[in-house]
Amino acid sequence: MTSSVKPLKTPLPACSVAGRMEAGTDEAGRGCLAGPVYAAAVILPDEFSHPWLNDSKQITEKRRMELREIIMERAVAYGIGIVDAAEIDKINILQASIEAMHRALSALDPQPGAVIVDGNRFRPYLDLPWTTYVKGDGRFANIAAASILAKTERDMFMARAHEQYPMYGWNINKGYPTKAHREAIAEFGPCPLHRMTFRLL
């Protein structure tokens, strides 16, 4: 199935596949050593366009937070999906990332008629047509919007988690495998939010 959704910085048609609204979905936190993996799914209106909209990794934190409010206010629908560290350890990070996307999609109201996904791996959601796009968060507005919601939701979670476990520096590294994060794990050991199936040291 080939998506007819237009690329970034042009008006995005909400009804792009045989008159059915199309959702973009993306995850955040797949490469982290700690914390949940988050995903978001977003359906944007026809007229939505914003000059800052892009892959969340290409935008400053301040602009991500501003865009988050704009997206949540103007989206036709958005949903957030979460899979925690314990479940990641049970089913592996790839399956957890896809499951988080499914949970985000299931939270949409109205439900979409088709889905486009950042990356190259997915599994069917209900009976909807779907297409994967490598680096789709830098190509399509609805995936970019999903990447921003997933990233900001996860960053806020890790900021709260930092208050409980300040020794790991999650307010800075957000759970990613930085040198300082690994040194803290070596000194203090892992906590319940660490993914024990990952190489922590």
N, C-alpha and C. Protein backbone atom coordinates (compact mmCIF):
# COMPACT_ATOMS: atom_id res chain seq x y z
N MET A 1 0.85 -1.19 0.00
CA MET A 1 0.00 0.00 0.00
C MET A 1 0.89 1.23 0.00
N THR A 2 0.67 2.11 -0.92
CA THR A 2 1.43 3.35 -1.02
C THR A 2 0.62 4.48 -0.43
N SER A 3 1.22 5.20 0.53
CA SER A 3 0.52 6.30 1.17
C SER A 3 0.51 7.51 0.25
N SER A 4 -0.59 8.23 0.27
CA SER A 4 -0.67 9.47 -0.49
C SER A 4 -0.48 10.69 0.40
N VAL A 5 -0.09 10.46 1.67
CA VAL A 5 0.13 11.58 2.57
C VAL A 5 1.26 12.44 2.03
N LYS A 6 1.11 13.75 2.14
CA LYS A 6 2.12 14.66 1.62
C LYS A 6 3.26 14.80 2.62
N PRO A 7 4.46 15.14 2.14
CA PRO A 7 5.59 15.27 3.04
C PRO A 7 5.48 16.52 3.91
N LEU A 8 6.47 16.67 4.79
CA LEU A 8 6.48 17.78 5.72
C LEU A 8 6.41 19.14 5.04
N LYS A 9 5.88 20.09 5.82
CA LYS A 9 5.84 21.49 5.42
C LYS A 9 4.92 21.75 4.24
N THR A 10 4.01 20.82 3.98
CA THR A 10 2.92 21.07 3.05
C THR A 10 1.65 20.64 3.76
N PRO A 11 0.50 21.19 3.40
CA PRO A 11 -0.74 20.77 4.06
C PRO A 11 -0.94 19.26 3.95
N LEU A 12 -1.32 18.65 5.05
CA LEU A 12 -1.48 17.20 5.11
C LEU A 12 -2.94 16.82 4.95
N PRO A 13 -3.30 16.04 3.95
CA PRO A 13 -4.69 15.63 3.83
C PRO A 13 -5.06 14.62 4.91
N ALA A 14 -6.11 14.91 5.66
CA ALA A 14 -6.53 13.99 6.71
C ALA A 14 -7.10 12.71 6.12
N CYS A 15 -7.78 12.80 5.02
CA CYS A 15 -8.37 11.63 4.37
C CYS A 15 -7.51 11.26 3.17
N SER A 16 -6.61 10.32 3.37
CA SER A 16 -5.59 10.09 2.35
C SER A 16 -5.69 8.74 1.66
N VAL A 17 -6.47 7.82 2.20
CA VAL A 17 -6.58 6.50 1.60
C VAL A 17 -8.05 6.16 1.44
N ALA A 18 -8.53 6.28 0.25
CA ALA A 18 -9.93 5.96 -0.05
C ALA A 18 -10.88 6.64 0.93
N GLY A 19 -10.61 7.93 1.23
CA GLY A 19 -11.48 8.68 2.11
C GLY A 19 -11.34 8.36 3.58
N ARG A 20 -10.29 7.64 3.96
CA ARG A 20 -10.11 7.25 5.36
C ARG A 20 -8.96 8.03 5.98
N MET A 21 -9.14 8.53 7.19
CA MET A 21 -8.10 9.31 7.86
C MET A 21 -6.88 8.44 8.16
N GLU A 22 -5.71 9.03 7.99
CA GLU A 22 -4.46 8.30 8.16
C GLU A 22 -3.74 8.78 9.42
N ALA A 23 -3.30 7.84 10.25
CA ALA A 23 -2.54 8.15 11.45
C ALA A 23 -1.06 7.90 11.20
N GLY A 24 -0.22 8.76 11.76
CA GLY A 24 1.21 8.51 11.81
C GLY A 24 1.57 8.04 13.20
N THR A 25 2.54 7.12 13.30
CA THR A 25 2.95 6.63 14.62
C THR A 25 4.45 6.48 14.70
N ASP A 26 4.98 6.70 15.90
CA ASP A 26 6.42 6.63 16.14
C ASP A 26 6.64 6.33 17.62
N GLU A 27 7.85 5.85 17.94
CA GLU A 27 8.20 5.53 19.32
C GLU A 27 9.37 6.38 19.79
N ALA A 28 9.60 6.38 21.10
CA ALA A 28 10.74 7.07 21.71
C ALA A 28 11.28 6.21 22.85
N GLY A 29 12.60 6.14 22.94
CA GLY A 29 13.22 5.42 24.05
C GLY A 29 13.64 4.01 23.75
N ARG A 30 13.66 3.64 22.49
CA ARG A 30 14.01 2.26 22.15
C ARG A 30 15.43 1.92 22.57
N GLY A 31 16.37 2.86 22.45
CA GLY A 31 17.76 2.56 22.75
C GLY A 31 18.18 2.84 24.18
N CYS A 32 17.25 3.13 25.05
CA CYS A 32 17.58 3.48 26.43
C CYS A 32 17.88 2.24 27.27
N LEU A 33 18.60 2.46 28.37
CA LEU A 33 18.88 1.40 29.33
C LEU A 33 17.82 1.33 30.41
N ALA A 34 17.02 2.38 30.54
CA ALA A 34 16.05 2.45 31.63
C ALA A 34 14.79 3.15 31.17
N GLY A 35 13.70 2.84 31.88
CA GLY A 35 12.44 3.50 31.61
C GLY A 35 11.63 2.80 30.53
N PRO A 36 10.38 3.20 30.39
CA PRO A 36 9.50 2.61 29.37
C PRO A 36 9.88 3.04 27.96
N VAL A 37 9.36 2.32 26.99
CA VAL A 37 9.31 2.82 25.63
C VAL A 37 7.93 3.45 25.44
N TYR A 38 7.91 4.64 24.88
CA TYR A 38 6.68 5.38 24.63
C TYR A 38 6.43 5.41 23.12
N ALA A 39 5.16 5.44 22.75
CA ALA A 39 4.79 5.66 21.36
C ALA A 39 3.62 6.62 21.32
N ALA A 40 3.49 7.29 20.19
CA ALA A 40 2.32 8.16 19.97
C ALA A 40 1.77 7.89 18.59
N ALA A 41 0.50 8.15 18.43
CA ALA A 41 -0.17 8.09 17.13
C ALA A 41 -0.96 9.38 16.97
N VAL A 42 -0.90 9.96 15.78
CA VAL A 42 -1.52 11.27 15.55
C VAL A 42 -2.24 11.29 14.21
N ILE A 43 -3.45 11.80 14.22
CA ILE A 43 -4.17 12.16 13.00
C ILE A 43 -4.23 13.68 12.95
N LEU A 44 -3.72 14.27 11.88
CA LEU A 44 -3.71 15.72 11.73
C LEU A 44 -4.82 16.19 10.79
N PRO A 45 -5.31 17.41 10.99
CA PRO A 45 -6.33 17.94 10.09
C PRO A 45 -5.72 18.36 8.75
N ASP A 46 -6.57 18.50 7.75
CA ASP A 46 -6.13 18.90 6.41
C ASP A 46 -5.24 20.14 6.42
N GLU A 47 -5.62 21.12 7.22
CA GLU A 47 -4.97 22.43 7.12
C GLU A 47 -3.71 22.54 7.98
N PHE A 48 -3.36 21.48 8.72
CA PHE A 48 -2.26 21.60 9.66
C PHE A 48 -0.92 21.76 8.95
N SER A 49 -0.15 22.77 9.36
CA SER A 49 1.20 22.98 8.86
C SER A 49 1.93 23.84 9.87
N HIS A 50 3.20 23.53 10.11
CA HIS A 50 3.99 24.34 11.03
C HIS A 50 5.45 24.29 10.60
N PRO A 51 6.12 25.44 10.53
CA PRO A 51 7.49 25.47 10.01
C PRO A 51 8.50 24.73 10.88
N TRP A 52 8.21 24.51 12.17
CA TRP A 52 9.15 23.80 13.03
C TRP A 52 8.99 22.28 12.95
N LEU A 53 7.89 21.81 12.43
CA LEU A 53 7.57 20.40 12.52
C LEU A 53 8.61 19.56 11.79
N ASN A 54 9.19 18.60 12.53
CA ASN A 54 10.26 17.76 11.99
C ASN A 54 10.45 16.59 12.94
N ASP A 55 11.35 15.69 12.59
CA ASP A 55 11.81 14.64 13.49
C ASP A 55 12.14 15.27 14.85
N SER A 56 11.63 14.71 15.94
CA SER A 56 11.81 15.32 17.25
C SER A 56 13.27 15.48 17.63
N LYS A 57 14.15 14.61 17.11
CA LYS A 57 15.58 14.69 17.44
C LYS A 57 16.24 15.90 16.79
N GLN A 58 15.58 16.50 15.81
CA GLN A 58 16.14 17.65 15.11
C GLN A 58 15.64 18.98 15.65
N ILE A 59 14.88 18.94 16.75
CA ILE A 59 14.25 20.14 17.31
C ILE A 59 14.73 20.33 18.74
N THR A 60 14.90 21.56 19.17
CA THR A 60 15.31 21.82 20.54
C THR A 60 14.20 21.41 21.51
N GLU A 61 14.59 21.17 22.75
CA GLU A 61 13.62 20.77 23.77
C GLU A 61 12.53 21.83 23.92
N LYS A 62 12.91 23.09 23.92
CA LYS A 62 11.93 24.17 24.07
C LYS A 62 10.91 24.14 22.94
N ARG A 63 11.38 23.98 21.70
CA ARG A 63 10.44 23.93 20.57
C ARG A 63 9.60 22.66 20.59
N ARG A 64 10.19 21.54 21.03
CA ARG A 64 9.39 20.31 21.14
C ARG A 64 8.21 20.53 22.09
N MET A 65 8.46 21.17 23.21
CA MET A 65 7.39 21.39 24.18
C MET A 65 6.34 22.35 23.64
N GLU A 66 6.76 23.36 22.88
CA GLU A 66 5.79 24.27 22.27
C GLU A 66 4.96 23.55 21.20
N LEU A 67 5.64 22.74 20.39
CA LEU A 67 4.92 21.98 19.36
C LEU A 67 3.97 20.95 19.98
N ARG A 68 4.37 20.38 21.09
CA ARG A 68 3.52 19.41 21.78
C ARG A 68 2.14 20.02 22.06
N GLU A 69 2.14 21.23 22.59
CA GLU A 69 0.87 21.88 22.92
C GLU A 69 0.06 22.17 21.66
N ILE A 70 0.73 22.61 20.61
CA ILE A 70 0.05 22.90 19.35
C ILE A 70 -0.57 21.63 18.76
N ILE A 71 0.20 20.54 18.76
CA ILE A 71 -0.29 19.28 18.19
C ILE A 71 -1.47 18.77 18.99
N MET A 72 -1.36 18.79 20.31
CA MET A 72 -2.45 18.26 21.15
C MET A 72 -3.72 19.10 21.00
N GLU A 73 -3.55 20.39 20.77
CA GLU A 73 -4.72 21.27 20.61
C GLU A 73 -5.38 21.09 19.25
N ARG A 74 -4.58 20.89 18.20
CA ARG A 74 -5.12 20.96 16.85
C ARG A 74 -5.32 19.60 16.17
N ALA A 75 -4.76 18.55 16.72
CA ALA A 75 -4.91 17.23 16.09
C ALA A 75 -6.37 16.79 16.06
N VAL A 76 -6.72 16.07 15.02
CA VAL A 76 -8.03 15.41 14.98
C VAL A 76 -8.11 14.42 16.13
N ALA A 77 -7.02 13.69 16.35
CA ALA A 77 -6.93 12.74 17.46
C ALA A 77 -5.47 12.42 17.72
N TYR A 78 -5.15 12.11 18.97
CA TYR A 78 -3.82 11.61 19.30
C TYR A 78 -3.94 10.60 20.43
N GLY A 79 -3.00 9.67 20.48
CA GLY A 79 -2.98 8.67 21.53
C GLY A 79 -1.56 8.37 21.94
N ILE A 80 -1.38 7.95 23.20
CA ILE A 80 -0.07 7.61 23.74
C ILE A 80 -0.10 6.15 24.19
N GLY A 81 0.95 5.41 23.87
CA GLY A 81 1.09 4.03 24.32
C GLY A 81 2.39 3.85 25.08
N ILE A 82 2.37 3.03 26.12
CA ILE A 82 3.53 2.85 27.00
C ILE A 82 3.75 1.36 27.25
N VAL A 83 5.00 0.91 27.19
CA VAL A 83 5.38 -0.43 27.61
C VAL A 83 6.55 -0.26 28.59
N ASP A 84 6.39 -0.76 29.81
CA ASP A 84 7.39 -0.50 30.84
C ASP A 84 8.59 -1.45 30.74
N ALA A 85 9.59 -1.19 31.58
CA ALA A 85 10.85 -1.93 31.49
C ALA A 85 10.66 -3.42 31.73
N ALA A 86 9.81 -3.78 32.67
CA ALA A 86 9.60 -5.20 32.95
C ALA A 86 9.01 -5.92 31.75
N GLU A 87 8.06 -5.29 31.07
CA GLU A 87 7.45 -5.91 29.89
C GLU A 87 8.43 -5.94 28.73
N ILE A 88 9.27 -4.90 28.61
CA ILE A 88 10.31 -4.91 27.58
C ILE A 88 11.21 -6.13 27.77
N ASP A 89 11.59 -6.40 29.00
CA ASP A 89 12.46 -7.55 29.28
C ASP A 89 11.78 -8.88 28.93
N LYS A 90 10.47 -8.92 29.02
CA LYS A 90 9.74 -10.16 28.72
C LYS A 90 9.59 -10.40 27.22
N ILE A 91 9.34 -9.32 26.45
CA ILE A 91 8.96 -9.54 25.04
C ILE A 91 9.98 -9.01 24.05
N ASN A 92 11.01 -8.34 24.49
CA ASN A 92 12.11 -7.71 23.74
C ASN A 92 11.71 -6.32 23.24
N ILE A 93 12.70 -5.52 22.96
CA ILE A 93 12.44 -4.11 22.69
C ILE A 93 11.73 -3.88 21.35
N LEU A 94 12.01 -4.71 20.35
CA LEU A 94 11.30 -4.54 19.08
C LEU A 94 9.81 -4.77 19.26
N GLN A 95 9.45 -5.89 19.88
CA GLN A 95 8.03 -6.18 20.09
C GLN A 95 7.39 -5.16 21.03
N ALA A 96 8.16 -4.68 22.01
CA ALA A 96 7.62 -3.67 22.92
C ALA A 96 7.36 -2.36 22.19
N SER A 97 8.24 -1.98 21.27
CA SER A 97 8.04 -0.75 20.50
C SER A 97 6.78 -0.84 19.65
N ILE A 98 6.59 -1.98 18.99
CA ILE A 98 5.39 -2.17 18.18
C ILE A 98 4.14 -2.21 19.05
N GLU A 99 4.24 -2.88 20.20
CA GLU A 99 3.09 -2.93 21.11
C GLU A 99 2.72 -1.55 21.61
N ALA A 100 3.72 -0.71 21.90
CA ALA A 100 3.43 0.66 22.33
C ALA A 100 2.71 1.42 21.23
N MET A 101 3.13 1.22 19.96
CA MET A 101 2.43 1.87 18.85
C MET A 101 0.99 1.39 18.75
N HIS A 102 0.77 0.08 18.92
CA HIS A 102 -0.60 -0.44 18.90
C HIS A 102 -1.45 0.20 20.00
N ARG A 103 -0.88 0.32 21.19
CA ARG A 103 -1.62 0.93 22.29
C ARG A 103 -1.93 2.40 22.00
N ALA A 104 -0.99 3.09 21.37
CA ALA A 104 -1.26 4.48 20.99
C ALA A 104 -2.37 4.55 19.96
N LEU A 105 -2.33 3.68 18.97
CA LEU A 105 -3.38 3.65 17.95
C LEU A 105 -4.74 3.33 18.55
N SER A 106 -4.77 2.42 19.52
CA SER A 106 -6.05 2.03 20.12
C SER A 106 -6.67 3.18 20.92
N ALA A 107 -5.85 4.16 21.31
CA ALA A 107 -6.35 5.30 22.07
C ALA A 107 -6.93 6.40 21.18
N LEU A 108 -6.81 6.26 19.86
CA LEU A 108 -7.33 7.28 18.95
C LEU A 108 -8.85 7.25 18.88
N ASP A 109 -9.45 8.41 18.88
CA ASP A 109 -10.90 8.54 18.72
C ASP A 109 -11.16 9.83 17.93
N PRO A 110 -11.49 9.71 16.65
CA PRO A 110 -11.87 8.48 15.93
C PRO A 110 -10.66 7.62 15.56
N GLN A 111 -10.95 6.37 15.26
CA GLN A 111 -9.92 5.46 14.78
C GLN A 111 -9.57 5.81 13.33
N PRO A 112 -8.31 5.57 12.93
CA PRO A 112 -7.91 5.90 11.55
C PRO A 112 -8.37 4.85 10.56
N GLY A 113 -8.23 5.17 9.28
CA GLY A 113 -8.52 4.21 8.23
C GLY A 113 -7.26 3.58 7.68
N ALA A 114 -6.10 4.14 8.03
CA ALA A 114 -4.82 3.62 7.57
C ALA A 114 -3.74 4.18 8.50
N VAL A 115 -2.57 3.54 8.47
CA VAL A 115 -1.48 3.89 9.38
C VAL A 115 -0.18 3.99 8.60
N ILE A 116 0.63 5.02 8.89
CA ILE A 116 2.01 5.05 8.42
C ILE A 116 2.92 5.08 9.63
N VAL A 117 4.04 4.35 9.53
CA VAL A 117 4.88 4.02 10.67
C VAL A 117 6.31 4.45 10.42
N ASP A 118 6.94 5.06 11.43
CA ASP A 118 8.37 5.36 11.31
C ASP A 118 9.18 4.07 11.49
N GLY A 119 10.15 3.85 10.61
CA GLY A 119 11.00 2.67 10.72
C GLY A 119 10.70 1.66 9.64
N ASN A 120 11.14 0.42 9.88
CA ASN A 120 10.95 -0.63 8.87
C ASN A 120 10.30 -1.89 9.42
N ARG A 121 9.81 -1.85 10.68
CA ARG A 121 9.19 -3.04 11.26
C ARG A 121 7.86 -2.65 11.91
N PHE A 122 6.87 -3.49 11.70
CA PHE A 122 5.56 -3.28 12.29
C PHE A 122 4.84 -4.61 12.21
N ARG A 123 3.70 -4.71 12.83
CA ARG A 123 2.82 -5.86 12.62
C ARG A 123 1.41 -5.32 12.51
N PRO A 124 0.53 -6.04 11.85
CA PRO A 124 -0.81 -5.49 11.56
C PRO A 124 -1.53 -5.02 12.81
N TYR A 125 -2.21 -3.90 12.65
CA TYR A 125 -3.08 -3.37 13.69
C TYR A 125 -4.51 -3.46 13.18
N LEU A 126 -5.34 -4.24 13.88
CA LEU A 126 -6.69 -4.55 13.40
C LEU A 126 -6.58 -5.01 11.95
N ASP A 127 -7.43 -4.49 11.07
CA ASP A 127 -7.35 -4.87 9.65
C ASP A 127 -6.96 -3.67 8.80
N LEU A 128 -6.28 -2.69 9.41
CA LEU A 128 -5.97 -1.45 8.69
C LEU A 128 -4.78 -1.62 7.76
N PRO A 129 -4.82 -1.00 6.59
CA PRO A 129 -3.63 -0.97 5.74
C PRO A 129 -2.54 -0.12 6.40
N TRP A 130 -1.28 -0.53 6.24
CA TRP A 130 -0.19 0.21 6.87
C TRP A 130 1.06 0.16 5.99
N THR A 131 1.90 1.18 6.16
CA THR A 131 3.15 1.29 5.42
C THR A 131 4.23 1.79 6.36
N THR A 132 5.42 1.22 6.29
CA THR A 132 6.56 1.70 7.07
C THR A 132 7.43 2.60 6.21
N TYR A 133 8.04 3.58 6.85
CA TYR A 133 8.95 4.51 6.18
C TYR A 133 10.19 4.72 7.04
N VAL A 134 11.35 4.33 6.53
CA VAL A 134 12.60 4.63 7.23
C VAL A 134 12.78 6.14 7.27
N LYS A 135 13.08 6.66 8.45
CA LYS A 135 13.20 8.10 8.68
C LYS A 135 11.92 8.84 8.31
N GLY A 136 10.80 8.17 8.52
CA GLY A 136 9.51 8.79 8.23
C GLY A 136 9.22 10.00 9.08
N ASP A 137 9.86 10.08 10.29
CA ASP A 137 9.61 11.24 11.15
C ASP A 137 10.22 12.51 10.61
N GLY A 138 11.09 12.41 9.62
CA GLY A 138 11.61 13.58 8.95
C GLY A 138 10.99 13.82 7.60
N ARG A 139 9.98 12.99 7.24
CA ARG A 139 9.38 13.07 5.91
C ARG A 139 7.90 13.40 5.92
N PHE A 140 7.19 12.96 6.95
CA PHE A 140 5.73 13.08 6.97
C PHE A 140 5.27 13.76 8.25
N ALA A 141 4.35 14.69 8.08
CA ALA A 141 3.94 15.54 9.20
C ALA A 141 3.28 14.76 10.32
N ASN A 142 2.43 13.78 9.99
CA ASN A 142 1.75 13.06 11.07
C ASN A 142 2.71 12.17 11.85
N ILE A 143 3.74 11.59 11.19
CA ILE A 143 4.75 10.83 11.92
C ILE A 143 5.62 11.76 12.75
N ALA A 144 5.98 12.91 12.19
CA ALA A 144 6.77 13.89 12.95
C ALA A 144 6.02 14.33 14.21
N ALA A 145 4.73 14.58 14.08
CA ALA A 145 3.92 14.96 15.24
C ALA A 145 3.91 13.85 16.28
N ALA A 146 3.80 12.60 15.83
CA ALA A 146 3.84 11.47 16.75
C ALA A 146 5.19 11.37 17.44
N SER A 147 6.26 11.63 16.70
CA SER A 147 7.60 11.55 17.31
C SER A 147 7.75 12.60 18.41
N ILE A 148 7.17 13.77 18.20
CA ILE A 148 7.27 14.83 19.20
C ILE A 148 6.47 14.48 20.46
N LEU A 149 5.27 13.97 20.29
CA LEU A 149 4.47 13.58 21.46
C LEU A 149 5.13 12.43 22.22
N ALA A 150 5.63 11.42 21.52
CA ALA A 150 6.28 10.30 22.19
C ALA A 150 7.52 10.76 22.95
N LYS A 151 8.34 11.59 22.30
CA LYS A 151 9.56 12.07 22.93
C LYS A 151 9.28 12.93 24.16
N THR A 152 8.35 13.86 24.06
CA THR A 152 8.08 14.75 25.19
C THR A 152 7.43 14.00 26.35
N GLU A 153 6.52 13.07 26.05
CA GLU A 153 5.90 12.27 27.11
C GLU A 153 6.96 11.46 27.85
N ARG A 154 7.86 10.85 27.11
CA ARG A 154 8.89 10.03 27.75
C ARG A 154 9.87 10.88 28.55
N ASP A 155 10.27 12.01 27.99
CA ASP A 155 11.19 12.89 28.71
C ASP A 155 10.58 13.37 30.03
N MET A 156 9.30 13.67 30.04
CA MET A 156 8.66 14.10 31.27
C MET A 156 8.62 12.96 32.29
N PHE A 157 8.40 11.73 31.81
CA PHE A 157 8.45 10.58 32.72
C PHE A 157 9.83 10.45 33.34
N MET A 158 10.88 10.55 32.51
CA MET A 158 12.24 10.37 33.03
C MET A 158 12.63 11.50 33.98
N ALA A 159 12.10 12.70 33.77
CA ALA A 159 12.35 13.80 34.70
C ALA A 159 11.73 13.49 36.07
N ARG A 160 10.53 12.91 36.06
CA ARG A 160 9.91 12.50 37.33
C ARG A 160 10.69 11.36 37.98
N ALA A 161 11.14 10.41 37.16
CA ALA A 161 11.90 9.28 37.68
C ALA A 161 13.22 9.75 38.28
N HIS A 162 13.80 10.80 37.73
CA HIS A 162 15.05 11.34 38.25
C HIS A 162 14.89 11.78 39.70
N GLU A 163 13.72 12.28 40.06
CA GLU A 163 13.50 12.71 41.44
C GLU A 163 13.59 11.54 42.41
N GLN A 164 13.21 10.35 41.96
CA GLN A 164 13.27 9.15 42.80
C GLN A 164 14.65 8.51 42.76
N TYR A 165 15.32 8.58 41.59
CA TYR A 165 16.62 7.95 41.41
C TYR A 165 17.62 8.97 40.85
N PRO A 166 17.99 9.98 41.63
CA PRO A 166 18.82 11.07 41.09
C PRO A 166 20.24 10.66 40.73
N MET A 167 20.70 9.53 41.25
CA MET A 167 22.09 9.14 41.03
C MET A 167 22.41 8.82 39.57
N TYR A 168 21.40 8.53 38.75
CA TYR A 168 21.63 8.12 37.36
C TYR A 168 21.66 9.29 36.37
N GLY A 169 21.28 10.47 36.82
CA GLY A 169 21.32 11.63 35.92
C GLY A 169 20.30 11.60 34.81
N TRP A 170 19.13 11.04 35.06
CA TRP A 170 18.13 10.90 34.00
C TRP A 170 17.55 12.25 33.57
N ASN A 171 17.70 13.27 34.40
CA ASN A 171 17.26 14.61 33.97
C ASN A 171 18.10 15.11 32.80
N ILE A 172 19.28 14.53 32.61
CA ILE A 172 20.17 14.91 31.51
C ILE A 172 20.19 13.85 30.42
N ASN A 173 20.44 12.58 30.82
CA ASN A 173 20.62 11.53 29.79
C ASN A 173 19.34 10.83 29.40
N LYS A 174 18.25 11.06 30.13
CA LYS A 174 16.92 10.49 29.82
C LYS A 174 16.92 8.96 29.75
N GLY A 175 17.94 8.33 30.36
CA GLY A 175 18.00 6.87 30.35
C GLY A 175 18.84 6.27 29.25
N TYR A 176 19.39 7.11 28.37
CA TYR A 176 20.22 6.60 27.28
C TYR A 176 21.59 6.14 27.82
N PRO A 177 22.30 5.32 27.07
CA PRO A 177 23.54 4.71 27.56
C PRO A 177 24.76 5.63 27.47
N THR A 178 24.73 6.72 28.21
CA THR A 178 25.88 7.61 28.26
C THR A 178 26.94 7.03 29.20
N LYS A 179 28.15 7.56 29.10
CA LYS A 179 29.24 7.12 29.97
C LYS A 179 28.87 7.35 31.44
N ALA A 180 28.31 8.52 31.74
CA ALA A 180 27.95 8.84 33.12
C ALA A 180 26.86 7.90 33.64
N HIS A 181 25.91 7.57 32.78
CA HIS A 181 24.84 6.65 33.20
C HIS A 181 25.42 5.28 33.53
N ARG A 182 26.28 4.76 32.68
CA ARG A 182 26.88 3.44 32.94
C ARG A 182 27.75 3.47 34.20
N GLU A 183 28.46 4.57 34.42
CA GLU A 183 29.28 4.68 35.63
C GLU A 183 28.41 4.68 36.88
N ALA A 184 27.24 5.31 36.80
CA ALA A 184 26.32 5.33 37.95
C ALA A 184 25.77 3.93 38.20
N ILE A 185 25.47 3.18 37.14
CA ILE A 185 24.99 1.80 37.32
C ILE A 185 26.07 0.96 37.97
N ALA A 186 27.33 1.15 37.54
CA ALA A 186 28.45 0.40 38.13
C ALA A 186 28.60 0.73 39.61
N GLU A 187 28.38 1.98 39.98
CA GLU A 187 28.55 2.39 41.37
C GLU A 187 27.37 2.01 42.24
N PHE A 188 26.16 2.24 41.77
CA PHE A 188 24.97 2.07 42.60
C PHE A 188 24.17 0.81 42.29
N GLY A 189 24.49 0.15 41.16
CA GLY A 189 23.69 -0.98 40.72
C GLY A 189 22.44 -0.52 39.99
N PRO A 190 21.75 -1.43 39.31
CA PRO A 190 20.52 -1.05 38.60
C PRO A 190 19.37 -0.86 39.57
N CYS A 191 18.34 -0.15 39.10
CA CYS A 191 17.12 0.04 39.88
C CYS A 191 15.96 -0.64 39.16
N PRO A 192 14.76 -0.64 39.74
CA PRO A 192 13.63 -1.33 39.10
C PRO A 192 13.24 -0.78 37.73
N LEU A 193 13.68 0.41 37.37
CA LEU A 193 13.34 0.96 36.06
C LEU A 193 14.35 0.57 34.98
N HIS A 194 15.43 -0.08 35.34
CA HIS A 194 16.41 -0.51 34.34
C HIS A 194 15.92 -1.74 33.59
N ARG A 195 16.33 -1.84 32.34
CA ARG A 195 15.98 -2.97 31.47
C ARG A 195 17.07 -4.03 31.65
N MET A 196 16.75 -5.07 32.38
CA MET A 196 17.78 -6.02 32.78
C MET A 196 18.29 -6.89 31.65
N THR A 197 17.57 -6.96 30.54
CA THR A 197 18.04 -7.72 29.40
C THR A 197 18.97 -6.90 28.50
N PHE A 198 19.16 -5.62 28.82
CA PHE A 198 20.07 -4.78 28.06
C PHE A 198 21.47 -4.86 28.66
N ARG A 199 22.49 -4.49 27.87
CA ARG A 199 23.85 -4.46 28.38
C ARG A 199 24.01 -3.17 29.17
N LEU A 200 23.89 -3.28 30.47
CA LEU A 200 23.90 -2.09 31.33
C LEU A 200 25.32 -1.57 31.57
N LEU A 201 26.31 -2.45 31.53
CA LEU A 201 27.70 -2.04 31.77
C LEU A 201 28.56 -2.36 30.58
